[in-house]
């Protein structure tokens, strides 16, 4: 593969995840929009909420690895080179980041709607 074609990645992920791919993409887009809305509404980042969201994000990263192992035909023991380990770290990082953003947004909206921080 000499070129980096995003449509190839989309096709591969669609084949691996099926309809779950679109659910995950929709959740990520809505979560990011809710996160941006919370930031615009509060005009600050609440550190206590962020730390709690990051802790839950660790679980989200681990669940992303579990999902990766379920949908792929190889396991973690098949990782042989640096590219494999980089991909594993990337999957964990994306799972951590998206989960952190989602949890921060949900907690932010909960605090805004209840009138507390």
PDB file of N, CA and C in Angstrom:
ATOM      1  N   UNK A   1       0.851  -1.168   0.000  1.00  0.00           N
ATOM      2  CA  UNK A   1       0.000   0.000   0.000  1.00  0.00           C
ATOM      3  C   UNK A   1       0.898   1.232   0.000  1.00  0.00           C
ATOM      4  N   UNK A   2       0.945   1.903  -1.107  1.00  0.00           N
ATOM      5  CA  UNK A   2       1.812   3.061  -1.254  1.00  0.00           C
ATOM      6  C   UNK A   2       1.110   4.365  -0.905  1.00  0.00           C
ATOM      7  N   UNK A   3      -0.204   4.358  -0.914  1.00  0.00           N
ATOM      8  CA  UNK A   3      -0.962   5.561  -0.616  1.00  0.00           C
ATOM      9  C   UNK A   3      -1.814   5.341   0.630  1.00  0.00           C
ATOM     10  N   UNK A   4      -2.055   6.412   1.344  1.00  0.00           N
ATOM     11  CA  UNK A   4      -2.914   6.361   2.519  1.00  0.00           C
ATOM     12  C   UNK A   4      -4.303   6.818   2.095  1.00  0.00           C
ATOM     13  N   UNK A   5      -5.199   5.869   1.915  1.00  0.00           N
ATOM     14  CA  UNK A   5      -6.539   6.170   1.433  1.00  0.00           C
ATOM     15  C   UNK A   5      -7.547   5.982   2.565  1.00  0.00           C
ATOM     16  N   UNK A   6      -8.195   7.059   3.017  1.00  0.00           N
ATOM     17  CA  UNK A   6      -9.152   6.930   4.124  1.00  0.00           C
ATOM     18  C   UNK A   6     -10.338   6.036   3.790  1.00  0.00           C
ATOM     19  N   UNK A   7     -10.699   5.941   2.531  1.00  0.00           N
ATOM     20  CA  UNK A   7     -11.834   5.099   2.152  1.00  0.00           C
ATOM     21  C   UNK A   7     -11.528   3.622   2.372  1.00  0.00           C
ATOM     22  N   UNK A   8     -10.258   3.250   2.242  1.00  0.00           N
ATOM     23  CA  UNK A   8      -9.858   1.866   2.519  1.00  0.00           C
ATOM     24  C   UNK A   8     -10.049   1.569   4.004  1.00  0.00           C
ATOM     25  N   UNK A   9      -9.604   2.507   4.851  1.00  0.00           N
ATOM     26  CA  UNK A   9      -9.792   2.325   6.290  1.00  0.00           C
ATOM     27  C   UNK A   9     -11.272   2.220   6.646  1.00  0.00           C
ATOM     28  N   UNK A  10     -12.081   3.056   6.041  1.00  0.00           N
ATOM     29  CA  UNK A  10     -13.516   3.001   6.300  1.00  0.00           C
ATOM     30  C   UNK A  10     -14.088   1.639   5.901  1.00  0.00           C
ATOM     31  N   UNK A  11     -13.667   1.139   4.754  1.00  0.00           N
ATOM     32  CA  UNK A  11     -14.158  -0.168   4.301  1.00  0.00           C
ATOM     33  C   UNK A  11     -13.714  -1.288   5.241  1.00  0.00           C
ATOM     34  N   UNK A  12     -12.477  -1.222   5.707  1.00  0.00           N
ATOM     35  CA  UNK A  12     -11.979  -2.256   6.618  1.00  0.00           C
ATOM     36  C   UNK A  12     -12.730  -2.198   7.944  1.00  0.00           C
ATOM     37  N   UNK A  13     -12.892  -0.993   8.494  1.00  0.00           N
ATOM     38  CA  UNK A  13     -13.625  -0.869   9.761  1.00  0.00           C
ATOM     39  C   UNK A  13     -15.088  -1.275   9.600  1.00  0.00           C
ATOM     40  N   UNK A  14     -15.689  -0.972   8.481  1.00  0.00           N
ATOM     41  CA  UNK A  14     -17.072  -1.380   8.225  1.00  0.00           C
ATOM     42  C   UNK A  14     -17.178  -2.905   8.184  1.00  0.00           C
ATOM     43  N   UNK A  15     -16.198  -3.531   7.575  1.00  0.00           N
ATOM     44  CA  UNK A  15     -16.191  -4.998   7.500  1.00  0.00           C
ATOM     45  C   UNK A  15     -15.999  -5.619   8.883  1.00  0.00           C
ATOM     46  N   UNK A  16     -15.147  -5.001   9.709  1.00  0.00           N
ATOM     47  CA  UNK A  16     -14.854  -5.562  11.021  1.00  0.00           C
ATOM     48  C   UNK A  16     -15.980  -5.304  12.025  1.00  0.00           C
ATOM     49  N   UNK A  17     -16.520  -4.099  12.030  1.00  0.00           N
ATOM     50  CA  UNK A  17     -17.478  -3.714  13.068  1.00  0.00           C
ATOM     51  C   UNK A  17     -18.935  -3.790  12.628  1.00  0.00           C
ATOM     52  N   UNK A  18     -19.178  -3.743  11.322  1.00  0.00           N
ATOM     53  CA  UNK A  18     -20.555  -3.757  10.827  1.00  0.00           C
ATOM     54  C   UNK A  18     -21.278  -2.491  11.252  1.00  0.00           C
ATOM     55  N   UNK A  19     -22.556  -2.605  11.633  1.00  0.00           N
ATOM     56  CA  UNK A  19     -23.336  -1.426  12.021  1.00  0.00           C
ATOM     57  C   UNK A  19     -22.811  -0.738  13.286  1.00  0.00           C
ATOM     58  N   UNK A  20     -22.050  -1.459  14.112  1.00  0.00           N
ATOM     59  CA  UNK A  20     -21.498  -0.864  15.326  1.00  0.00           C
ATOM     60  C   UNK A  20     -20.564   0.301  15.000  1.00  0.00           C
ATOM     61  N   UNK A  21     -19.929   0.267  13.835  1.00  0.00           N
ATOM     62  CA  UNK A  21     -19.050   1.369  13.426  1.00  0.00           C
ATOM     63  C   UNK A  21     -19.803   2.683  13.407  1.00  0.00           C
ATOM     64  N   UNK A  22     -20.991   2.682  12.833  1.00  0.00           N
ATOM     65  CA  UNK A  22     -21.763   3.924  12.708  1.00  0.00           C
ATOM     66  C   UNK A  22     -22.295   4.381  14.059  1.00  0.00           C
ATOM     67  N   UNK A  23     -22.603   3.447  14.939  1.00  0.00           N
ATOM     68  CA  UNK A  23     -23.033   3.810  16.297  1.00  0.00           C
ATOM     69  C   UNK A  23     -21.876   4.472  17.042  1.00  0.00           C
ATOM     70  N   UNK A  24     -20.674   3.905  16.913  1.00  0.00           N
ATOM     71  CA  UNK A  24     -19.506   4.479  17.577  1.00  0.00           C
ATOM     72  C   UNK A  24     -19.164   5.859  17.024  1.00  0.00           C
ATOM     73  N   UNK A  25     -19.243   6.017  15.709  1.00  0.00           N
ATOM     74  CA  UNK A  25     -18.964   7.321  15.097  1.00  0.00           C
ATOM     75  C   UNK A  25     -19.995   8.351  15.544  1.00  0.00           C
ATOM     76  N   UNK A  26     -21.268   7.977  15.553  1.00  0.00           N
ATOM     77  CA  UNK A  26     -22.317   8.890  15.990  1.00  0.00           C
ATOM     78  C   UNK A  26     -22.130   9.285  17.459  1.00  0.00           C
ATOM     79  N   UNK A  27     -21.795   8.311  18.307  1.00  0.00           N
ATOM     80  CA  UNK A  27     -21.569   8.612  19.722  1.00  0.00           C
ATOM     81  C   UNK A  27     -20.392   9.559  19.894  1.00  0.00           C
ATOM     82  N   UNK A  28     -19.339   9.361  19.121  1.00  0.00           N
ATOM     83  CA  UNK A  28     -18.167  10.235  19.219  1.00  0.00           C
ATOM     84  C   UNK A  28     -18.499  11.656  18.767  1.00  0.00           C
ATOM     85  N   UNK A  29     -19.209  11.785  17.655  1.00  0.00           N
ATOM     86  CA  UNK A  29     -19.557  13.113  17.140  1.00  0.00           C
ATOM     87  C   UNK A  29     -20.490  13.843  18.105  1.00  0.00           C
ATOM     88  N   UNK A  30     -21.508  13.153  18.597  1.00  0.00           N
ATOM     89  CA  UNK A  30     -22.432  13.775  19.550  1.00  0.00           C
ATOM     90  C   UNK A  30     -21.730  14.120  20.859  1.00  0.00           C
ATOM     91  N   UNK A  31     -20.835  13.245  21.303  1.00  0.00           N
ATOM     92  CA  UNK A  31     -20.092  13.510  22.535  1.00  0.00           C
ATOM     93  C   UNK A  31     -19.189  14.720  22.412  1.00  0.00           C
ATOM     94  N   UNK A  32     -18.517  14.852  21.276  1.00  0.00           N
ATOM     95  CA  UNK A  32     -17.654  16.011  21.060  1.00  0.00           C
ATOM     96  C   UNK A  32     -18.487  17.292  20.988  1.00  0.00           C
ATOM     97  N   UNK A  33     -19.632  17.223  20.322  1.00  0.00           N
ATOM     98  CA  UNK A  33     -20.509  18.399  20.253  1.00  0.00           C
ATOM     99  C   UNK A  33     -21.011  18.790  21.641  1.00  0.00           C
ATOM    100  N   UNK A  34     -21.388  17.803  22.447  1.00  0.00           N
ATOM    101  CA  UNK A  34     -21.847  18.088  23.812  1.00  0.00           C
ATOM    102  C   UNK A  34     -20.710  18.644  24.659  1.00  0.00           C
ATOM    103  N   UNK A  35     -19.496  18.136  24.464  1.00  0.00           N
ATOM    104  CA  UNK A  35     -18.329  18.627  25.190  1.00  0.00           C
ATOM    105  C   UNK A  35     -18.047  20.086  24.848  1.00  0.00           C
ATOM    106  N   UNK A  36     -18.070  20.408  23.568  1.00  0.00           N
ATOM    107  CA  UNK A  36     -17.840  21.795  23.137  1.00  0.00           C
ATOM    108  C   UNK A  36     -18.935  22.709  23.679  1.00  0.00           C
ATOM    109  N   UNK A  37     -20.174  22.215  23.675  1.00  0.00           N
ATOM    110  CA  UNK A  37     -21.277  23.020  24.205  1.00  0.00           C
ATOM    111  C   UNK A  37     -21.100  23.293  25.698  1.00  0.00           C
ATOM    112  N   UNK A  38     -20.649  22.292  26.455  1.00  0.00           N
ATOM    113  CA  UNK A  38     -20.399  22.491  27.893  1.00  0.00           C
ATOM    114  C   UNK A  38     -19.292  23.513  28.088  1.00  0.00           C
ATOM    115  N   UNK A  39     -18.229  23.400  27.298  1.00  0.00           N
ATOM    116  CA  UNK A  39     -17.128  24.364  27.427  1.00  0.00           C
ATOM    117  C   UNK A  39     -17.580  25.782  27.101  1.00  0.00           C
ATOM    118  N   UNK A  40     -18.384  25.931  26.068  1.00  0.00           N
ATOM    119  CA  UNK A  40     -18.879  27.259  25.708  1.00  0.00           C
ATOM    120  C   UNK A  40     -19.816  27.809  26.770  1.00  0.00           C
ATOM    121  N   UNK A  41     -20.620  26.946  27.354  1.00  0.00           N
ATOM    122  CA  UNK A  41     -21.589  27.388  28.365  1.00  0.00           C
ATOM    123  C   UNK A  41     -20.888  27.775  29.677  1.00  0.00           C
ATOM    124  N   UNK A  42     -19.939  26.952  30.114  1.00  0.00           N
ATOM    125  CA  UNK A  42     -19.270  27.209  31.389  1.00  0.00           C
ATOM    126  C   UNK A  42     -18.060  28.144  31.264  1.00  0.00           C
ATOM    127  N   UNK A  43     -17.480  28.218  30.085  1.00  0.00           N
ATOM    128  CA  UNK A  43     -16.300  29.042  29.810  1.00  0.00           C
ATOM    129  C   UNK A  43     -15.091  28.654  30.646  1.00  0.00           C
ATOM    130  N   UNK A  44     -15.028  27.409  31.077  1.00  0.00           N
ATOM    131  CA  UNK A  44     -13.880  26.903  31.835  1.00  0.00           C
ATOM    132  C   UNK A  44     -13.924  25.378  31.837  1.00  0.00           C
ATOM    133  N   UNK A  45     -12.812  24.798  32.243  1.00  0.00           N
ATOM    134  CA  UNK A  45     -12.745  23.352  32.444  1.00  0.00           C
ATOM    135  C   UNK A  45     -12.738  23.113  33.947  1.00  0.00           C
ATOM    136  N   UNK A  46     -13.636  22.285  34.404  1.00  0.00           N
ATOM    137  CA  UNK A  46     -13.725  21.952  35.826  1.00  0.00           C
ATOM    138  C   UNK A  46     -12.772  20.790  36.087  1.00  0.00           C
ATOM    139  N   UNK A  47     -11.714  21.058  36.861  1.00  0.00           N
ATOM    140  CA  UNK A  47     -10.643  20.073  37.018  1.00  0.00           C
ATOM    141  C   UNK A  47     -11.114  18.793  37.718  1.00  0.00           C
ATOM    142  N   UNK A  48     -11.958  18.924  38.710  1.00  0.00           N
ATOM    143  CA  UNK A  48     -12.438  17.731  39.422  1.00  0.00           C
ATOM    144  C   UNK A  48     -13.223  16.819  38.473  1.00  0.00           C
ATOM    145  N   UNK A  49     -14.052  17.414  37.654  1.00  0.00           N
ATOM    146  CA  UNK A  49     -14.833  16.655  36.680  1.00  0.00           C
ATOM    147  C   UNK A  49     -13.924  16.008  35.638  1.00  0.00           C
ATOM    148  N   UNK A  50     -12.888  16.746  35.225  1.00  0.00           N
ATOM    149  CA  UNK A  50     -11.964  16.227  34.225  1.00  0.00           C
ATOM    150  C   UNK A  50     -11.176  15.033  34.759  1.00  0.00           C
ATOM    151  N   UNK A  51     -10.713  15.118  35.987  1.00  0.00           N
ATOM    152  CA  UNK A  51      -9.951  14.004  36.579  1.00  0.00           C
ATOM    153  C   UNK A  51     -10.836  12.770  36.700  1.00  0.00           C
ATOM    154  N   UNK A  52     -12.062  12.955  37.128  1.00  0.00           N
ATOM    155  CA  UNK A  52     -12.984  11.807  37.221  1.00  0.00           C
ATOM    156  C   UNK A  52     -13.262  11.217  35.842  1.00  0.00           C
ATOM    157  N   UNK A  53     -13.427  12.075  34.853  1.00  0.00           N
ATOM    158  CA  UNK A  53     -13.660  11.592  33.488  1.00  0.00           C
ATOM    159  C   UNK A  53     -12.439  10.855  32.959  1.00  0.00           C
ATOM    160  N   UNK A  54     -11.245  11.311  33.299  1.00  0.00           N
ATOM    161  CA  UNK A  54     -10.029  10.627  32.872  1.00  0.00           C
ATOM    162  C   UNK A  54      -9.909   9.253  33.513  1.00  0.00           C
ATOM    163  N   UNK A  55     -10.309   9.139  34.765  1.00  0.00           N
ATOM    164  CA  UNK A  55     -10.272   7.826  35.421  1.00  0.00           C
ATOM    165  C   UNK A  55     -11.223   6.844  34.744  1.00  0.00           C
ATOM    166  N   UNK A  56     -12.407   7.314  34.393  1.00  0.00           N
ATOM    167  CA  UNK A  56     -13.339   6.460  33.658  1.00  0.00           C
ATOM    168  C   UNK A  56     -12.799   6.190  32.252  1.00  0.00           C
ATOM    169  N   UNK A  57     -12.061   7.156  31.704  1.00  0.00           N
ATOM    170  CA  UNK A  57     -11.455   6.991  30.393  1.00  0.00           C
ATOM    171  C   UNK A  57     -10.488   5.821  30.340  1.00  0.00           C
ATOM    172  N   UNK A  58      -9.807   5.536  31.442  1.00  0.00           N
ATOM    173  CA  UNK A  58      -8.929   4.364  31.489  1.00  0.00           C
ATOM    174  C   UNK A  58      -9.714   3.087  31.234  1.00  0.00           C
ATOM    175  N   UNK A  59     -10.899   3.011  31.808  1.00  0.00           N
ATOM    176  CA  UNK A  59     -11.767   1.855  31.570  1.00  0.00           C
ATOM    177  C   UNK A  59     -12.203   1.823  30.106  1.00  0.00           C
ATOM    178  N   UNK A  60     -12.512   2.991  29.549  1.00  0.00           N
ATOM    179  CA  UNK A  60     -12.897   3.065  28.138  1.00  0.00           C
ATOM    180  C   UNK A  60     -11.782   2.609  27.218  1.00  0.00           C
ATOM    181  N   UNK A  61     -10.541   2.948  27.551  1.00  0.00           N
ATOM    182  CA  UNK A  61      -9.406   2.481  26.765  1.00  0.00           C
ATOM    183  C   UNK A  61      -9.272   0.971  26.818  1.00  0.00           C
ATOM    184  N   UNK A  62      -9.452   0.415  28.005  1.00  0.00           N
ATOM    185  CA  UNK A  62      -9.386  -1.042  28.137  1.00  0.00           C
ATOM    186  C   UNK A  62     -10.520  -1.718  27.369  1.00  0.00           C
ATOM    187  N   UNK A  63     -11.715  -1.129  27.419  1.00  0.00           N
ATOM    188  CA  UNK A  63     -12.834  -1.701  26.666  1.00  0.00           C
ATOM    189  C   UNK A  63     -12.614  -1.601  25.162  1.00  0.00           C
ATOM    190  N   UNK A  64     -11.926  -0.545  24.718  1.00  0.00           N
ATOM    191  CA  UNK A  64     -11.589  -0.427  23.297  1.00  0.00           C
ATOM    192  C   UNK A  64     -10.651  -1.556  22.883  1.00  0.00           C
ATOM    193  N   UNK A  65      -9.722  -1.928  23.756  1.00  0.00           N
ATOM    194  CA  UNK A  65      -8.833  -3.051  23.460  1.00  0.00           C
ATOM    195  C   UNK A  65      -9.592  -4.366  23.416  1.00  0.00           C
ATOM    196  N   UNK A  66     -10.547  -4.529  24.324  1.00  0.00           N
ATOM    197  CA  UNK A  66     -11.373  -5.744  24.309  1.00  0.00           C
ATOM    198  C   UNK A  66     -12.168  -5.815  23.014  1.00  0.00           C
ATOM    199  N   UNK A  67     -12.760  -4.696  22.609  1.00  0.00           N
ATOM    200  CA  UNK A  67     -13.511  -4.660  21.349  1.00  0.00           C
ATOM    201  C   UNK A  67     -12.600  -4.986  20.167  1.00  0.00           C
ATOM    202  N   UNK A  68     -11.395  -4.435  20.169  1.00  0.00           N
ATOM    203  CA  UNK A  68     -10.446  -4.718  19.092  1.00  0.00           C
ATOM    204  C   UNK A  68     -10.117  -6.210  19.031  1.00  0.00           C
ATOM    205  N   UNK A  69      -9.906  -6.827  20.180  1.00  0.00           N
ATOM    206  CA  UNK A  69      -9.584  -8.256  20.206  1.00  0.00           C
ATOM    207  C   UNK A  69     -10.760  -9.098  19.727  1.00  0.00           C
ATOM    208  N   UNK A  70     -11.987  -8.655  20.025  1.00  0.00           N
ATOM    209  CA  UNK A  70     -13.177  -9.406  19.604  1.00  0.00           C
ATOM    210  C   UNK A  70     -13.397  -9.350  18.098  1.00  0.00           C
ATOM    211  N   UNK A  71     -13.162  -8.183  17.487  1.00  0.00           N
ATOM    212  CA  UNK A  71     -13.491  -8.031  16.071  1.00  0.00           C
ATOM    213  C   UNK A  71     -12.344  -8.407  15.146  1.00  0.00           C
ATOM    214  N   UNK A  72     -11.139  -8.572  15.686  1.00  0.00           N
ATOM    215  CA  UNK A  72     -10.026  -8.951  14.821  1.00  0.00           C
ATOM    216  C   UNK A  72      -9.769 -10.448  14.959  1.00  0.00           C
ATOM    217  N   UNK A  73      -9.049 -10.978  14.011  1.00  0.00           N
ATOM    218  CA  UNK A  73      -8.772 -12.415  14.039  1.00  0.00           C
ATOM    219  C   UNK A  73      -7.502 -12.726  14.818  1.00  0.00           C
ATOM    220  N   UNK A  74      -6.831 -11.715  15.334  1.00  0.00           N
ATOM    221  CA  UNK A  74      -5.611 -11.940  16.098  1.00  0.00           C
ATOM    222  C   UNK A  74      -5.772 -11.393  17.499  1.00  0.00           C
ATOM    223  N   UNK A  75      -4.944 -11.878  18.378  1.00  0.00           N
ATOM    224  CA  UNK A  75      -4.978 -11.425  19.764  1.00  0.00           C
ATOM    225  C   UNK A  75      -3.727 -10.637  20.101  1.00  0.00           C
ATOM    226  N   UNK A  76      -3.578 -10.296  21.365  1.00  0.00           N
ATOM    227  CA  UNK A  76      -2.432  -9.504  21.797  1.00  0.00           C
ATOM    228  C   UNK A  76      -1.139 -10.313  21.731  1.00  0.00           C
ATOM    229  N   UNK A  77      -1.226 -11.631  21.850  1.00  0.00           N
ATOM    230  CA  UNK A  77      -0.021 -12.453  21.779  1.00  0.00           C
ATOM    231  C   UNK A  77       0.520 -12.535  20.353  1.00  0.00           C
ATOM    232  N   UNK A  78      -0.291 -12.142  19.366  1.00  0.00           N
ATOM    233  CA  UNK A  78       0.159 -12.158  17.974  1.00  0.00           C
ATOM    234  C   UNK A  78       0.904 -10.883  17.595  1.00  0.00           C
ATOM    235  N   UNK A  79       0.934  -9.902  18.458  1.00  0.00           N
ATOM    236  CA  UNK A  79       1.627  -8.649  18.150  1.00  0.00           C
ATOM    237  C   UNK A  79       3.126  -8.921  18.125  1.00  0.00           C
ATOM    238  N   UNK A  80       3.721  -8.666  16.970  1.00  0.00           N
ATOM    239  CA  UNK A  80       5.122  -9.033  16.828  1.00  0.00           C
ATOM    240  C   UNK A  80       6.061  -7.863  16.700  1.00  0.00           C
ATOM    241  N   UNK A  81       5.639  -6.823  16.062  1.00  0.00           N
ATOM    242  CA  UNK A  81       6.562  -5.730  15.797  1.00  0.00           C
ATOM    243  C   UNK A  81       6.105  -4.430  16.396  1.00  0.00           C
ATOM    244  N   UNK A  82       6.899  -3.396  16.190  1.00  0.00           N
ATOM    245  CA  UNK A  82       6.550  -2.087  16.735  1.00  0.00           C
ATOM    246  C   UNK A  82       5.253  -1.531  16.167  1.00  0.00           C
ATOM    247  N   UNK A  83       4.953  -1.835  14.911  1.00  0.00           N
ATOM    248  CA  UNK A  83       3.712  -1.327  14.309  1.00  0.00           C
ATOM    249  C   UNK A  83       2.496  -1.919  15.011  1.00  0.00           C
ATOM    250  N   UNK A  84       2.571  -3.194  15.369  1.00  0.00           N
ATOM    251  CA  UNK A  84       1.460  -3.827  16.088  1.00  0.00           C
ATOM    252  C   UNK A  84       1.248  -3.180  17.450  1.00  0.00           C
ATOM    253  N   UNK A  85       2.331  -2.955  18.168  1.00  0.00           N
ATOM    254  CA  UNK A  85       2.221  -2.357  19.490  1.00  0.00           C
ATOM    255  C   UNK A  85       1.781  -0.901  19.409  1.00  0.00           C
ATOM    256  N   UNK A  86       2.214  -0.210  18.341  1.00  0.00           N
ATOM    257  CA  UNK A  86       1.752   1.161  18.133  1.00  0.00           C
ATOM    258  C   UNK A  86       0.245   1.183  17.899  1.00  0.00           C
ATOM    259  N   UNK A  87      -0.267   0.239  17.113  1.00  0.00           N
ATOM    260  CA  UNK A  87      -1.702   0.164  16.857  1.00  0.00           C
ATOM    261  C   UNK A  87      -2.475  -0.145  18.139  1.00  0.00           C
ATOM    262  N   UNK A  88      -1.950  -1.033  18.945  1.00  0.00           N
ATOM    263  CA  UNK A  88      -2.599  -1.358  20.221  1.00  0.00           C
ATOM    264  C   UNK A  88      -2.642  -0.117  21.116  1.00  0.00           C
ATOM    265  N   UNK A  89      -1.529   0.615  21.184  1.00  0.00           N
ATOM    266  CA  UNK A  89      -1.494   1.845  21.984  1.00  0.00           C
ATOM    267  C   UNK A  89      -2.438   2.893  21.416  1.00  0.00           C
ATOM    268  N   UNK A  90      -2.527   2.970  20.095  1.00  0.00           N
ATOM    269  CA  UNK A  90      -3.419   3.933  19.449  1.00  0.00           C
ATOM    270  C   UNK A  90      -4.881   3.620  19.757  1.00  0.00           C
ATOM    271  N   UNK A  91      -5.255   2.354  19.704  1.00  0.00           N
ATOM    272  CA  UNK A  91      -6.638   1.951  20.023  1.00  0.00           C
ATOM    273  C   UNK A  91      -6.951   2.301  21.480  1.00  0.00           C
ATOM    274  N   UNK A  92      -6.014   2.006  22.384  1.00  0.00           N
ATOM    275  CA  UNK A  92      -6.231   2.348  23.789  1.00  0.00           C
ATOM    276  C   UNK A  92      -6.372   3.859  23.955  1.00  0.00           C
ATOM    277  N   UNK A  93      -5.502   4.618  23.304  1.00  0.00           N
ATOM    278  CA  UNK A  93      -5.544   6.077  23.421  1.00  0.00           C
ATOM    279  C   UNK A  93      -6.824   6.680  22.892  1.00  0.00           C
ATOM    280  N   UNK A  94      -7.301   6.188  21.766  1.00  0.00           N
ATOM    281  CA  UNK A  94      -8.556   6.699  21.204  1.00  0.00           C
ATOM    282  C   UNK A  94      -9.725   6.346  22.124  1.00  0.00           C
ATOM    283  N   UNK A  95      -9.741   5.125  22.629  1.00  0.00           N
ATOM    284  CA  UNK A  95     -10.796   4.731  23.570  1.00  0.00           C
ATOM    285  C   UNK A  95     -10.780   5.582  24.828  1.00  0.00           C
ATOM    286  N   UNK A  96      -9.585   5.847  25.337  1.00  0.00           N
ATOM    287  CA  UNK A  96      -9.448   6.687  26.528  1.00  0.00           C
ATOM    288  C   UNK A  96      -9.939   8.104  26.246  1.00  0.00           C
ATOM    289  N   UNK A  97      -9.507   8.685  25.134  1.00  0.00           N
ATOM    290  CA  UNK A  97      -9.863  10.074  24.826  1.00  0.00           C
ATOM    291  C   UNK A  97     -11.360  10.241  24.593  1.00  0.00           C
ATOM    292  N   UNK A  98     -11.939   9.360  23.801  1.00  0.00           N
ATOM    293  CA  UNK A  98     -13.369   9.484  23.496  1.00  0.00           C
ATOM    294  C   UNK A  98     -14.209   9.256  24.756  1.00  0.00           C
ATOM    295  N   UNK A  99     -13.834   8.275  25.561  1.00  0.00           N
ATOM    296  CA  UNK A  99     -14.577   8.029  26.795  1.00  0.00           C
ATOM    297  C   UNK A  99     -14.458   9.210  27.746  1.00  0.00           C
ATOM    298  N   UNK A 100     -13.271   9.792  27.858  1.00  0.00           N
ATOM    299  CA  UNK A 100     -13.074  10.955  28.717  1.00  0.00           C
ATOM    300  C   UNK A 100     -13.953  12.122  28.267  1.00  0.00           C
ATOM    301  N   UNK A 101     -13.973  12.379  26.967  1.00  0.00           N
ATOM    302  CA  UNK A 101     -14.793  13.472  26.432  1.00  0.00           C
ATOM    303  C   UNK A 101     -16.278  13.210  26.689  1.00  0.00           C
ATOM    304  N   UNK A 102     -16.724  11.981  26.443  1.00  0.00           N
ATOM    305  CA  UNK A 102     -18.138  11.644  26.658  1.00  0.00           C
ATOM    306  C   UNK A 102     -18.537  11.800  28.121  1.00  0.00           C
ATOM    307  N   UNK A 103     -17.712  11.282  29.027  1.00  0.00           N
ATOM    308  CA  UNK A 103     -18.049  11.342  30.451  1.00  0.00           C
ATOM    309  C   UNK A 103     -18.014  12.784  30.948  1.00  0.00           C
ATOM    310  N   UNK A 104     -17.025  13.568  30.505  1.00  0.00           N
ATOM    311  CA  UNK A 104     -16.964  14.974  30.907  1.00  0.00           C
ATOM    312  C   UNK A 104     -18.210  15.713  30.425  1.00  0.00           C
ATOM    313  N   UNK A 105     -18.625  15.445  29.192  1.00  0.00           N
ATOM    314  CA  UNK A 105     -19.801  16.120  28.645  1.00  0.00           C
ATOM    315  C   UNK A 105     -21.066  15.732  29.409  1.00  0.00           C
ATOM    316  N   UNK A 106     -21.226  14.453  29.686  1.00  0.00           N
ATOM    317  CA  UNK A 106     -22.415  13.999  30.423  1.00  0.00           C
ATOM    318  C   UNK A 106     -22.432  14.599  31.827  1.00  0.00           C
ATOM    319  N   UNK A 107     -21.279  14.562  32.505  1.00  0.00           N
ATOM    320  CA  UNK A 107     -21.220  15.136  33.857  1.00  0.00           C
ATOM    321  C   UNK A 107     -21.430  16.650  33.823  1.00  0.00           C
ATOM    322  N   UNK A 108     -20.918  17.311  32.788  1.00  0.00           N
ATOM    323  CA  UNK A 108     -21.102  18.753  32.661  1.00  0.00           C
ATOM    324  C   UNK A 108     -22.553  19.122  32.455  1.00  0.00           C
ATOM    325  N   UNK A 109     -23.212  18.409  31.574  1.00  0.00           N
ATOM    326  CA  UNK A 109     -24.638  18.703  31.344  1.00  0.00           C
ATOM    327  C   UNK A 109     -25.477  18.363  32.554  1.00  0.00           C
ATOM    328  N   UNK A 110     -25.102  17.296  33.257  1.00  0.00           N
ATOM    329  CA  UNK A 110     -25.820  16.960  34.492  1.00  0.00           C
ATOM    330  C   UNK A 110     -25.681  18.084  35.517  1.00  0.00           C
ATOM    331  N   UNK A 111     -24.464  18.619  35.646  1.00  0.00           N
ATOM    332  CA  UNK A 111     -24.238  19.728  36.588  1.00  0.00           C
ATOM    333  C   UNK A 111     -24.956  20.986  36.150  1.00  0.00           C
ATOM    334  N   UNK A 112     -24.950  21.264  34.849  1.00  0.00           N
ATOM    335  CA  UNK A 112     -25.650  22.454  34.356  1.00  0.00           C
ATOM    336  C   UNK A 112     -27.152  22.365  34.565  1.00  0.00           C
ATOM    337  N   UNK A 113     -27.714  21.206  34.326  1.00  0.00           N
ATOM    338  CA  UNK A 113     -29.158  21.034  34.462  1.00  0.00           C
ATOM    339  C   UNK A 113     -29.603  21.020  35.918  1.00  0.00           C
ATOM    340  N   UNK A 114     -28.716  20.545  36.807  1.00  0.00           N
ATOM    341  CA  UNK A 114     -29.095  20.529  38.223  1.00  0.00           C
ATOM    342  C   UNK A 114     -28.719  21.831  38.925  1.00  0.00           C
ATOM    343  N   UNK A 115     -27.932  22.681  38.257  1.00  0.00           N
ATOM    344  CA  UNK A 115     -27.579  23.981  38.822  1.00  0.00           C
ATOM    345  C   UNK A 115     -26.387  23.976  39.727  1.00  0.00           C
ATOM    346  N   UNK A 116     -25.579  22.894  39.699  1.00  0.00           N
ATOM    347  CA  UNK A 116     -24.385  22.843  40.535  1.00  0.00           C
ATOM    348  C   UNK A 116     -23.167  22.540  39.674  1.00  0.00           C
ATOM    349  N   UNK A 117     -21.990  22.722  40.239  1.00  0.00           N
ATOM    350  CA  UNK A 117     -20.743  22.374  39.559  1.00  0.00           C
ATOM    351  C   UNK A 117     -20.110  21.285  40.326  1.00  0.00           C
TER     352      UNK A 117
END
